Amino acid sequence: MRTDGTFDEFLAHPEVSERVELAGSVGLMAFHAGLEEGTGPIAIEVAERSGASLYVAEQPEELQWHVSSHRVVAEASARLASFLGHVDTVIAVHGYGRPHLMRSILLGGQDRSVAEVLAVPLIKRLHGYEVLHHLDDIPRVLRGLHDRNPVNVTPGGGVQLELPPRLRMRLPEW
């Protein structure tokens, strides 16, 4: 997996594409789509069903380029800038895999009130999964607290939603 470079270098790759749909004041993001399997389709479906705005940066699976969330900045993309300028609150859909957390959904980001609001329906609907919404319960590297993380730059704040493989890949039990 490639982990170097800036977001504008990533976007300049000929096989990377951006999709933006401006709608509601809540925005769904999946800027690791293609790398973190299932995150793009989930963000798209949730945005369509809820009337939310959408930003997706898609790469082919074989590219395997991870740009850290704090490097996903509006200065790198006019499309991302228009999205972030349009929305008040952001939910960034991510994927992760940790053997001891395979049934855990993680709600990071600086805005803890948005995380708490999002936790309630997830707890009610996703039986058999643990929803970790207290920062101390989330591994430090997955907390999404950097000031430049897109979920932390909009006026209404946001959540870094980390989903385990079973949820992202829609395995039969999902």
N, C-alpha and C. Protein backbone atom coordinates (compact mmCIF):
# COMPACT_ATOMS: atom_id res chain seq x y z
N MET A 1 0.84 -1.18 0.00
CA MET A 1 0.00 0.00 0.00
C MET A 1 0.89 1.24 0.00
N ARG A 2 0.51 2.20 -0.80
CA ARG A 2 1.23 3.47 -0.86
C ARG A 2 0.64 4.42 0.17
N THR A 3 1.48 5.04 0.98
CA THR A 3 1.01 5.94 2.04
C THR A 3 1.67 7.31 1.98
N ASP A 4 2.35 7.60 0.89
CA ASP A 4 3.02 8.90 0.77
C ASP A 4 2.20 9.83 -0.12
N GLY A 5 2.67 11.02 -0.27
CA GLY A 5 2.06 11.97 -1.19
C GLY A 5 0.94 12.79 -0.56
N THR A 6 0.54 13.80 -1.32
CA THR A 6 -0.51 14.71 -0.88
C THR A 6 -1.81 14.35 -1.59
N PHE A 7 -2.88 14.96 -1.14
CA PHE A 7 -4.18 14.67 -1.74
C PHE A 7 -4.25 15.16 -3.19
N ASP A 8 -3.62 16.29 -3.49
CA ASP A 8 -3.64 16.76 -4.88
C ASP A 8 -2.83 15.83 -5.79
N GLU A 9 -1.74 15.25 -5.28
CA GLU A 9 -0.99 14.26 -6.07
C GLU A 9 -1.83 13.01 -6.30
N PHE A 10 -2.55 12.58 -5.27
CA PHE A 10 -3.45 11.44 -5.40
C PHE A 10 -4.52 11.72 -6.46
N LEU A 11 -5.15 12.89 -6.39
CA LEU A 11 -6.21 13.23 -7.33
C LEU A 11 -5.69 13.37 -8.76
N ALA A 12 -4.41 13.67 -8.92
CA ALA A 12 -3.83 13.82 -10.26
C ALA A 12 -3.60 12.46 -10.94
N HIS A 13 -3.68 11.39 -10.19
CA HIS A 13 -3.50 10.05 -10.78
C HIS A 13 -4.62 9.82 -11.80
N PRO A 14 -4.28 9.34 -13.00
CA PRO A 14 -5.30 9.20 -14.06
C PRO A 14 -6.44 8.24 -13.74
N GLU A 15 -6.26 7.35 -12.78
CA GLU A 15 -7.34 6.40 -12.46
C GLU A 15 -8.16 6.80 -11.23
N VAL A 16 -7.89 7.97 -10.69
CA VAL A 16 -8.65 8.47 -9.54
C VAL A 16 -9.70 9.45 -10.04
N SER A 17 -10.91 9.31 -9.51
CA SER A 17 -11.99 10.22 -9.90
C SER A 17 -12.69 10.78 -8.68
N GLU A 18 -13.27 11.96 -8.85
CA GLU A 18 -14.04 12.60 -7.79
C GLU A 18 -15.50 12.69 -8.23
N ARG A 19 -16.38 12.50 -7.27
CA ARG A 19 -17.82 12.66 -7.51
C ARG A 19 -18.36 13.58 -6.43
N VAL A 20 -19.05 14.62 -6.86
CA VAL A 20 -19.65 15.57 -5.93
C VAL A 20 -21.10 15.79 -6.31
N GLU A 21 -21.96 15.73 -5.31
CA GLU A 21 -23.38 16.06 -5.50
C GLU A 21 -23.78 16.95 -4.34
N LEU A 22 -24.12 18.18 -4.65
CA LEU A 22 -24.51 19.13 -3.61
C LEU A 22 -26.02 19.08 -3.43
N ALA A 23 -26.43 18.79 -2.22
CA ALA A 23 -27.86 18.69 -1.89
C ALA A 23 -28.06 19.29 -0.50
N GLY A 24 -28.30 18.45 0.50
CA GLY A 24 -28.57 18.92 1.85
C GLY A 24 -27.35 19.47 2.57
N SER A 25 -27.59 19.99 3.77
CA SER A 25 -26.51 20.60 4.55
C SER A 25 -25.65 19.58 5.29
N VAL A 26 -26.10 18.32 5.32
CA VAL A 26 -25.27 17.23 5.84
C VAL A 26 -24.59 16.59 4.64
N GLY A 27 -23.32 16.28 4.80
CA GLY A 27 -22.58 15.68 3.68
C GLY A 27 -21.98 14.35 4.05
N LEU A 28 -22.07 13.40 3.13
CA LEU A 28 -21.43 12.10 3.28
C LEU A 28 -20.17 12.11 2.44
N MET A 29 -19.08 11.55 2.99
CA MET A 29 -17.82 11.48 2.27
C MET A 29 -17.29 10.05 2.28
N ALA A 30 -16.61 9.70 1.20
CA ALA A 30 -15.85 8.45 1.14
C ALA A 30 -14.64 8.75 0.28
N PHE A 31 -13.58 9.24 0.90
CA PHE A 31 -12.41 9.62 0.11
C PHE A 31 -11.36 8.52 0.05
N HIS A 32 -11.68 7.36 0.60
CA HIS A 32 -10.83 6.17 0.45
C HIS A 32 -11.59 5.09 -0.32
N ALA A 33 -12.56 5.50 -1.14
CA ALA A 33 -13.37 4.55 -1.91
C ALA A 33 -12.47 3.79 -2.88
N GLY A 34 -12.66 2.49 -2.92
CA GLY A 34 -11.81 1.64 -3.74
C GLY A 34 -10.69 1.03 -2.93
N LEU A 35 -10.17 1.78 -1.99
CA LEU A 35 -9.15 1.27 -1.07
C LEU A 35 -9.82 0.57 0.10
N GLU A 36 -10.79 1.25 0.69
CA GLU A 36 -11.54 0.69 1.82
C GLU A 36 -12.87 0.20 1.25
N GLU A 37 -12.88 -1.07 0.91
CA GLU A 37 -13.99 -1.67 0.17
C GLU A 37 -15.35 -1.37 0.79
N GLY A 38 -16.28 -0.99 -0.06
CA GLY A 38 -17.65 -0.75 0.34
C GLY A 38 -17.95 0.66 0.82
N THR A 39 -16.94 1.46 1.12
CA THR A 39 -17.21 2.78 1.67
C THR A 39 -17.87 3.71 0.66
N GLY A 40 -17.46 3.64 -0.59
CA GLY A 40 -18.08 4.47 -1.62
C GLY A 40 -19.56 4.15 -1.81
N PRO A 41 -19.91 2.89 -2.07
CA PRO A 41 -21.33 2.56 -2.23
C PRO A 41 -22.18 2.89 -1.01
N ILE A 42 -21.64 2.72 0.18
CA ILE A 42 -22.41 3.05 1.39
C ILE A 42 -22.68 4.55 1.44
N ALA A 43 -21.65 5.36 1.24
CA ALA A 43 -21.83 6.82 1.27
C ALA A 43 -22.83 7.26 0.20
N ILE A 44 -22.73 6.69 -0.99
CA ILE A 44 -23.64 7.05 -2.08
C ILE A 44 -25.08 6.70 -1.73
N GLU A 45 -25.28 5.49 -1.24
CA GLU A 45 -26.64 5.06 -0.91
C GLU A 45 -27.25 5.88 0.22
N VAL A 46 -26.47 6.15 1.26
CA VAL A 46 -26.97 6.95 2.38
C VAL A 46 -27.31 8.36 1.91
N ALA A 47 -26.45 8.95 1.10
CA ALA A 47 -26.71 10.30 0.58
C ALA A 47 -27.98 10.32 -0.27
N GLU A 48 -28.15 9.33 -1.13
CA GLU A 48 -29.35 9.27 -1.98
C GLU A 48 -30.61 9.12 -1.14
N ARG A 49 -30.57 8.24 -0.15
CA ARG A 49 -31.75 7.98 0.67
C ARG A 49 -32.11 9.14 1.58
N SER A 50 -31.12 9.91 1.99
CA SER A 50 -31.37 10.96 2.97
C SER A 50 -31.40 12.38 2.40
N GLY A 51 -31.04 12.54 1.14
CA GLY A 51 -30.99 13.87 0.57
C GLY A 51 -29.74 14.65 0.97
N ALA A 52 -28.73 13.93 1.43
CA ALA A 52 -27.48 14.57 1.85
C ALA A 52 -26.60 14.88 0.64
N SER A 53 -25.65 15.75 0.84
CA SER A 53 -24.64 16.02 -0.18
C SER A 53 -23.63 14.87 -0.16
N LEU A 54 -22.83 14.80 -1.22
CA LEU A 54 -21.92 13.66 -1.37
C LEU A 54 -20.58 14.09 -1.95
N TYR A 55 -19.50 13.52 -1.39
CA TYR A 55 -18.16 13.65 -1.97
C TYR A 55 -17.51 12.28 -1.91
N VAL A 56 -17.09 11.77 -3.08
CA VAL A 56 -16.40 10.49 -3.16
C VAL A 56 -15.14 10.66 -4.00
N ALA A 57 -14.02 10.19 -3.49
CA ALA A 57 -12.78 10.09 -4.26
C ALA A 57 -12.55 8.59 -4.45
N GLU A 58 -12.65 8.14 -5.68
CA GLU A 58 -12.62 6.71 -6.00
C GLU A 58 -11.31 6.35 -6.69
N GLN A 59 -10.75 5.22 -6.28
CA GLN A 59 -9.55 4.70 -6.92
C GLN A 59 -9.79 3.23 -7.23
N PRO A 60 -9.10 2.69 -8.24
CA PRO A 60 -9.23 1.26 -8.49
C PRO A 60 -8.59 0.47 -7.35
N GLU A 61 -9.13 -0.71 -7.05
CA GLU A 61 -8.62 -1.52 -5.95
C GLU A 61 -7.11 -1.74 -6.03
N GLU A 62 -6.60 -1.94 -7.22
CA GLU A 62 -5.19 -2.27 -7.37
C GLU A 62 -4.25 -1.08 -7.09
N LEU A 63 -4.77 0.14 -7.07
CA LEU A 63 -3.92 1.30 -6.80
C LEU A 63 -3.43 1.30 -5.34
N GLN A 64 -4.32 1.05 -4.40
CA GLN A 64 -3.94 0.92 -2.99
C GLN A 64 -3.16 2.13 -2.45
N TRP A 65 -3.71 3.32 -2.63
CA TRP A 65 -3.06 4.55 -2.18
C TRP A 65 -3.87 5.14 -1.04
N HIS A 66 -3.29 5.19 0.14
CA HIS A 66 -3.96 5.76 1.31
C HIS A 66 -3.39 7.14 1.61
N VAL A 67 -4.24 8.14 1.53
CA VAL A 67 -3.88 9.50 1.92
C VAL A 67 -4.53 9.74 3.28
N SER A 68 -3.75 10.09 4.26
CA SER A 68 -4.28 10.33 5.61
C SER A 68 -5.36 11.40 5.58
N SER A 69 -6.35 11.22 6.43
CA SER A 69 -7.50 12.13 6.45
C SER A 69 -7.09 13.59 6.62
N HIS A 70 -6.09 13.87 7.43
CA HIS A 70 -5.69 15.27 7.65
C HIS A 70 -5.04 15.89 6.41
N ARG A 71 -4.75 15.07 5.41
CA ARG A 71 -4.20 15.59 4.15
C ARG A 71 -5.27 15.78 3.08
N VAL A 72 -6.51 15.40 3.39
CA VAL A 72 -7.63 15.58 2.47
C VAL A 72 -8.17 16.98 2.72
N VAL A 73 -7.61 17.93 1.97
CA VAL A 73 -7.86 19.35 2.24
C VAL A 73 -8.48 20.04 1.03
N ALA A 74 -9.28 21.05 1.31
CA ALA A 74 -9.98 21.80 0.27
C ALA A 74 -9.01 22.46 -0.72
N GLU A 75 -7.83 22.83 -0.27
CA GLU A 75 -6.86 23.48 -1.16
C GLU A 75 -6.41 22.55 -2.29
N ALA A 76 -6.60 21.26 -2.12
CA ALA A 76 -6.16 20.29 -3.13
C ALA A 76 -7.17 20.07 -4.23
N SER A 77 -8.42 20.51 -4.04
CA SER A 77 -9.46 20.18 -5.00
C SER A 77 -10.59 21.20 -4.96
N ALA A 78 -10.90 21.77 -6.11
CA ALA A 78 -12.03 22.70 -6.20
C ALA A 78 -13.34 21.97 -5.89
N ARG A 79 -13.44 20.71 -6.28
CA ARG A 79 -14.67 19.94 -6.00
C ARG A 79 -14.83 19.71 -4.50
N LEU A 80 -13.74 19.34 -3.84
CA LEU A 80 -13.81 19.15 -2.39
C LEU A 80 -14.12 20.48 -1.71
N ALA A 81 -13.52 21.56 -2.18
CA ALA A 81 -13.78 22.89 -1.60
C ALA A 81 -15.25 23.26 -1.74
N SER A 82 -15.85 22.97 -2.89
CA SER A 82 -17.28 23.30 -3.08
C SER A 82 -18.15 22.46 -2.15
N PHE A 83 -17.79 21.20 -1.97
CA PHE A 83 -18.53 20.33 -1.05
C PHE A 83 -18.44 20.85 0.38
N LEU A 84 -17.22 21.08 0.85
CA LEU A 84 -17.03 21.53 2.23
C LEU A 84 -17.63 22.92 2.46
N GLY A 85 -17.66 23.75 1.43
CA GLY A 85 -18.28 25.07 1.54
C GLY A 85 -19.79 25.02 1.56
N HIS A 86 -20.35 23.92 1.06
CA HIS A 86 -21.80 23.78 0.97
C HIS A 86 -22.42 23.16 2.23
N VAL A 87 -21.72 22.23 2.85
CA VAL A 87 -22.30 21.47 3.97
C VAL A 87 -21.97 22.11 5.32
N ASP A 88 -22.79 21.79 6.30
CA ASP A 88 -22.53 22.23 7.67
C ASP A 88 -21.93 21.11 8.51
N THR A 89 -22.36 19.89 8.22
CA THR A 89 -21.94 18.72 9.00
C THR A 89 -21.48 17.63 8.04
N VAL A 90 -20.41 16.92 8.41
CA VAL A 90 -19.84 15.88 7.56
C VAL A 90 -19.81 14.54 8.30
N ILE A 91 -20.15 13.49 7.56
CA ILE A 91 -19.94 12.13 8.03
C ILE A 91 -19.04 11.46 7.00
N ALA A 92 -17.83 11.13 7.41
CA ALA A 92 -16.87 10.49 6.51
C ALA A 92 -16.90 8.98 6.78
N VAL A 93 -17.23 8.21 5.74
CA VAL A 93 -17.33 6.75 5.86
C VAL A 93 -15.96 6.15 5.56
N HIS A 94 -15.44 5.41 6.52
CA HIS A 94 -14.14 4.77 6.42
C HIS A 94 -14.29 3.28 6.70
N GLY A 95 -13.26 2.55 6.33
CA GLY A 95 -13.19 1.14 6.67
C GLY A 95 -11.93 0.88 7.46
N TYR A 96 -12.01 -0.08 8.34
CA TYR A 96 -10.84 -0.45 9.12
C TYR A 96 -10.94 -1.94 9.39
N GLY A 97 -9.86 -2.52 9.83
CA GLY A 97 -9.86 -3.92 10.22
C GLY A 97 -8.92 -4.15 11.38
N ARG A 98 -9.46 -4.53 12.49
CA ARG A 98 -8.68 -4.90 13.67
C ARG A 98 -9.30 -6.19 14.19
N PRO A 99 -8.53 -7.26 14.30
CA PRO A 99 -9.10 -8.56 14.70
C PRO A 99 -9.94 -8.50 15.98
N HIS A 100 -9.55 -7.70 16.95
CA HIS A 100 -10.29 -7.65 18.22
C HIS A 100 -11.52 -6.72 18.17
N LEU A 101 -11.74 -6.05 17.03
CA LEU A 101 -12.87 -5.13 16.89
C LEU A 101 -13.74 -5.45 15.67
N MET A 102 -13.82 -6.70 15.28
CA MET A 102 -14.53 -7.06 14.05
C MET A 102 -16.04 -6.82 14.12
N ARG A 103 -16.55 -6.61 15.28
CA ARG A 103 -17.99 -6.32 15.44
C ARG A 103 -18.19 -4.94 16.09
N SER A 104 -17.27 -4.02 15.78
CA SER A 104 -17.34 -2.69 16.38
C SER A 104 -17.42 -1.61 15.30
N ILE A 105 -18.31 -0.67 15.51
CA ILE A 105 -18.45 0.52 14.67
C ILE A 105 -17.88 1.67 15.50
N LEU A 106 -16.98 2.43 14.90
CA LEU A 106 -16.29 3.49 15.63
C LEU A 106 -16.77 4.86 15.17
N LEU A 107 -17.11 5.72 16.10
CA LEU A 107 -17.56 7.07 15.78
C LEU A 107 -16.58 8.08 16.34
N GLY A 108 -15.65 8.51 15.50
CA GLY A 108 -14.65 9.49 15.90
C GLY A 108 -15.01 10.88 15.44
N GLY A 109 -14.02 11.76 15.45
CA GLY A 109 -14.23 13.16 15.08
C GLY A 109 -14.33 14.02 16.33
N GLN A 110 -14.10 15.32 16.15
CA GLN A 110 -14.09 16.24 17.29
C GLN A 110 -15.47 16.57 17.82
N ASP A 111 -16.48 16.50 16.98
CA ASP A 111 -17.82 16.90 17.43
C ASP A 111 -18.53 15.72 18.09
N ARG A 112 -18.41 15.65 19.38
CA ARG A 112 -18.96 14.52 20.12
C ARG A 112 -20.48 14.52 20.15
N SER A 113 -21.11 15.70 20.02
CA SER A 113 -22.58 15.73 20.02
C SER A 113 -23.12 15.08 18.74
N VAL A 114 -22.47 15.30 17.60
CA VAL A 114 -22.89 14.65 16.36
C VAL A 114 -22.67 13.15 16.46
N ALA A 115 -21.56 12.74 17.07
CA ALA A 115 -21.29 11.31 17.25
C ALA A 115 -22.37 10.66 18.11
N GLU A 116 -22.79 11.33 19.16
CA GLU A 116 -23.83 10.78 20.03
C GLU A 116 -25.16 10.66 19.28
N VAL A 117 -25.49 11.67 18.47
CA VAL A 117 -26.74 11.62 17.69
C VAL A 117 -26.70 10.45 16.72
N LEU A 118 -25.59 10.25 16.06
CA LEU A 118 -25.45 9.15 15.10
C LEU A 118 -25.43 7.79 15.80
N ALA A 119 -24.91 7.73 17.00
CA ALA A 119 -24.81 6.45 17.72
C ALA A 119 -26.18 5.85 18.01
N VAL A 120 -27.16 6.66 18.33
CA VAL A 120 -28.47 6.15 18.75
C VAL A 120 -29.11 5.24 17.70
N PRO A 121 -29.30 5.69 16.45
CA PRO A 121 -29.93 4.77 15.47
C PRO A 121 -29.04 3.57 15.12
N LEU A 122 -27.73 3.75 15.16
CA LEU A 122 -26.85 2.62 14.88
C LEU A 122 -26.99 1.54 15.95
N ILE A 123 -27.06 1.94 17.19
CA ILE A 123 -27.24 0.99 18.29
C ILE A 123 -28.58 0.27 18.15
N LYS A 124 -29.61 1.01 17.80
CA LYS A 124 -30.96 0.43 17.67
C LYS A 124 -31.07 -0.54 16.51
N ARG A 125 -30.36 -0.28 15.41
CA ARG A 125 -30.56 -1.05 14.19
C ARG A 125 -29.53 -2.14 13.93
N LEU A 126 -28.35 -2.00 14.44
CA LEU A 126 -27.29 -2.95 14.12
C LEU A 126 -27.01 -3.88 15.30
N HIS A 127 -27.95 -4.76 15.53
CA HIS A 127 -27.81 -5.73 16.61
C HIS A 127 -26.62 -6.64 16.32
N GLY A 128 -25.91 -7.00 17.34
CA GLY A 128 -24.74 -7.84 17.17
C GLY A 128 -23.46 -7.04 16.94
N TYR A 129 -23.60 -5.72 16.85
CA TYR A 129 -22.43 -4.85 16.69
C TYR A 129 -22.36 -3.90 17.87
N GLU A 130 -21.15 -3.59 18.25
CA GLU A 130 -20.89 -2.65 19.33
C GLU A 130 -20.58 -1.30 18.69
N VAL A 131 -21.26 -0.25 19.13
CA VAL A 131 -21.03 1.09 18.63
C VAL A 131 -20.18 1.84 19.65
N LEU A 132 -18.93 2.08 19.29
CA LEU A 132 -17.99 2.77 20.18
C LEU A 132 -18.03 4.26 19.85
N HIS A 133 -18.61 5.04 20.76
CA HIS A 133 -18.76 6.48 20.51
C HIS A 133 -18.10 7.32 21.59
N HIS A 134 -17.45 6.69 22.54
CA HIS A 134 -16.64 7.41 23.53
C HIS A 134 -15.19 7.32 23.07
N LEU A 135 -14.53 8.44 22.94
CA LEU A 135 -13.18 8.47 22.36
C LEU A 135 -12.20 7.54 23.06
N ASP A 136 -12.31 7.39 24.35
CA ASP A 136 -11.38 6.52 25.07
C ASP A 136 -11.50 5.06 24.65
N ASP A 137 -12.63 4.68 24.05
CA ASP A 137 -12.84 3.30 23.61
C ASP A 137 -12.33 3.04 22.20
N ILE A 138 -11.98 4.10 21.48
CA ILE A 138 -11.56 4.01 20.08
C ILE A 138 -10.04 4.07 20.01
N PRO A 139 -9.41 3.16 19.24
CA PRO A 139 -7.95 3.25 19.08
C PRO A 139 -7.54 4.65 18.63
N ARG A 140 -6.50 5.17 19.22
CA ARG A 140 -6.05 6.55 18.96
C ARG A 140 -5.93 6.87 17.46
N VAL A 141 -5.38 5.97 16.69
CA VAL A 141 -5.14 6.22 15.27
C VAL A 141 -6.45 6.30 14.46
N LEU A 142 -7.55 5.84 15.03
CA LEU A 142 -8.84 5.83 14.33
C LEU A 142 -9.83 6.87 14.88
N ARG A 143 -9.36 7.76 15.72
CA ARG A 143 -10.27 8.72 16.37
C ARG A 143 -10.66 9.89 15.49
N GLY A 144 -9.88 10.22 14.47
CA GLY A 144 -10.24 11.32 13.56
C GLY A 144 -10.26 12.68 14.21
N LEU A 145 -9.28 12.98 15.04
CA LEU A 145 -9.30 14.22 15.80
C LEU A 145 -8.44 15.34 15.23
N HIS A 146 -7.67 15.07 14.20
CA HIS A 146 -6.78 16.11 13.64
C HIS A 146 -7.63 17.30 13.16
N ASP A 147 -7.17 18.51 13.45
CA ASP A 147 -7.91 19.72 13.08
C ASP A 147 -8.19 19.83 11.59
N ARG A 148 -7.33 19.24 10.75
CA ARG A 148 -7.52 19.35 9.29
C ARG A 148 -8.31 18.19 8.70
N ASN A 149 -8.70 17.23 9.50
CA ASN A 149 -9.56 16.15 9.03
C ASN A 149 -10.87 16.79 8.54
N PRO A 150 -11.36 16.41 7.36
CA PRO A 150 -12.58 17.05 6.83
C PRO A 150 -13.78 17.03 7.78
N VAL A 151 -13.87 16.05 8.67
CA VAL A 151 -15.01 16.02 9.60
C VAL A 151 -14.88 17.09 10.68
N ASN A 152 -13.75 17.73 10.76
CA ASN A 152 -13.53 18.73 11.80
C ASN A 152 -13.44 20.16 11.27
N VAL A 153 -13.69 20.37 9.99
CA VAL A 153 -13.50 21.71 9.42
C VAL A 153 -14.79 22.44 9.09
N THR A 154 -15.93 21.77 9.14
CA THR A 154 -17.19 22.43 8.80
C THR A 154 -17.83 23.02 10.05
N PRO A 155 -18.71 24.02 9.88
CA PRO A 155 -19.30 24.70 11.04
C PRO A 155 -20.05 23.76 12.00
N GLY A 156 -20.74 22.77 11.45
CA GLY A 156 -21.52 21.86 12.29
C GLY A 156 -20.75 20.65 12.76
N GLY A 157 -19.47 20.58 12.42
CA GLY A 157 -18.65 19.45 12.84
C GLY A 157 -18.93 18.19 12.04
N GLY A 158 -18.65 17.07 12.65
CA GLY A 158 -18.89 15.83 11.94
C GLY A 158 -18.35 14.62 12.66
N VAL A 159 -18.45 13.50 11.96
CA VAL A 159 -18.08 12.21 12.52
C VAL A 159 -17.24 11.43 11.52
N GLN A 160 -16.22 10.79 12.02
CA GLN A 160 -15.46 9.82 11.24
C GLN A 160 -16.05 8.46 11.59
N LEU A 161 -16.81 7.91 10.67
CA LEU A 161 -17.50 6.63 10.85
C LEU A 161 -16.63 5.51 10.31
N GLU A 162 -16.10 4.70 11.20
CA GLU A 162 -15.22 3.59 10.82
C GLU A 162 -16.01 2.29 10.89
N LEU A 163 -16.09 1.61 9.75
CA LEU A 163 -16.87 0.38 9.66
C LEU A 163 -15.96 -0.83 9.47
N PRO A 164 -16.28 -1.93 10.18
CA PRO A 164 -15.51 -3.16 10.02
C PRO A 164 -15.87 -3.84 8.70
N PRO A 165 -15.05 -4.80 8.25
CA PRO A 165 -15.30 -5.46 6.96
C PRO A 165 -16.69 -6.07 6.81
N ARG A 166 -17.23 -6.70 7.84
CA ARG A 166 -18.54 -7.35 7.71
C ARG A 166 -19.63 -6.38 7.29
N LEU A 167 -19.58 -5.16 7.77
CA LEU A 167 -20.60 -4.17 7.40
C LEU A 167 -20.33 -3.56 6.04
N ARG A 168 -19.08 -3.28 5.75
CA ARG A 168 -18.75 -2.65 4.47
C ARG A 168 -18.99 -3.56 3.29
N MET A 169 -18.74 -4.82 3.46
CA MET A 169 -18.83 -5.75 2.35
C MET A 169 -20.18 -6.43 2.26
N ARG A 170 -21.09 -6.06 3.15
CA ARG A 170 -22.46 -6.57 3.14
C ARG A 170 -22.49 -8.10 3.08
N LEU A 171 -21.78 -8.69 3.98
CA LEU A 171 -21.78 -10.14 4.07
C LEU A 171 -23.18 -10.60 4.50
N PRO A 172 -23.54 -11.84 4.24
CA PRO A 172 -24.91 -12.30 4.46
C PRO A 172 -25.51 -11.95 5.81
N GLU A 173 -24.77 -12.00 6.88
CA GLU A 173 -25.33 -11.70 8.19
C GLU A 173 -25.74 -10.24 8.34
N TRP A 174 -25.22 -9.35 7.47
CA TRP A 174 -25.56 -7.93 7.53
C TRP A 174 -26.98 -7.75 7.05
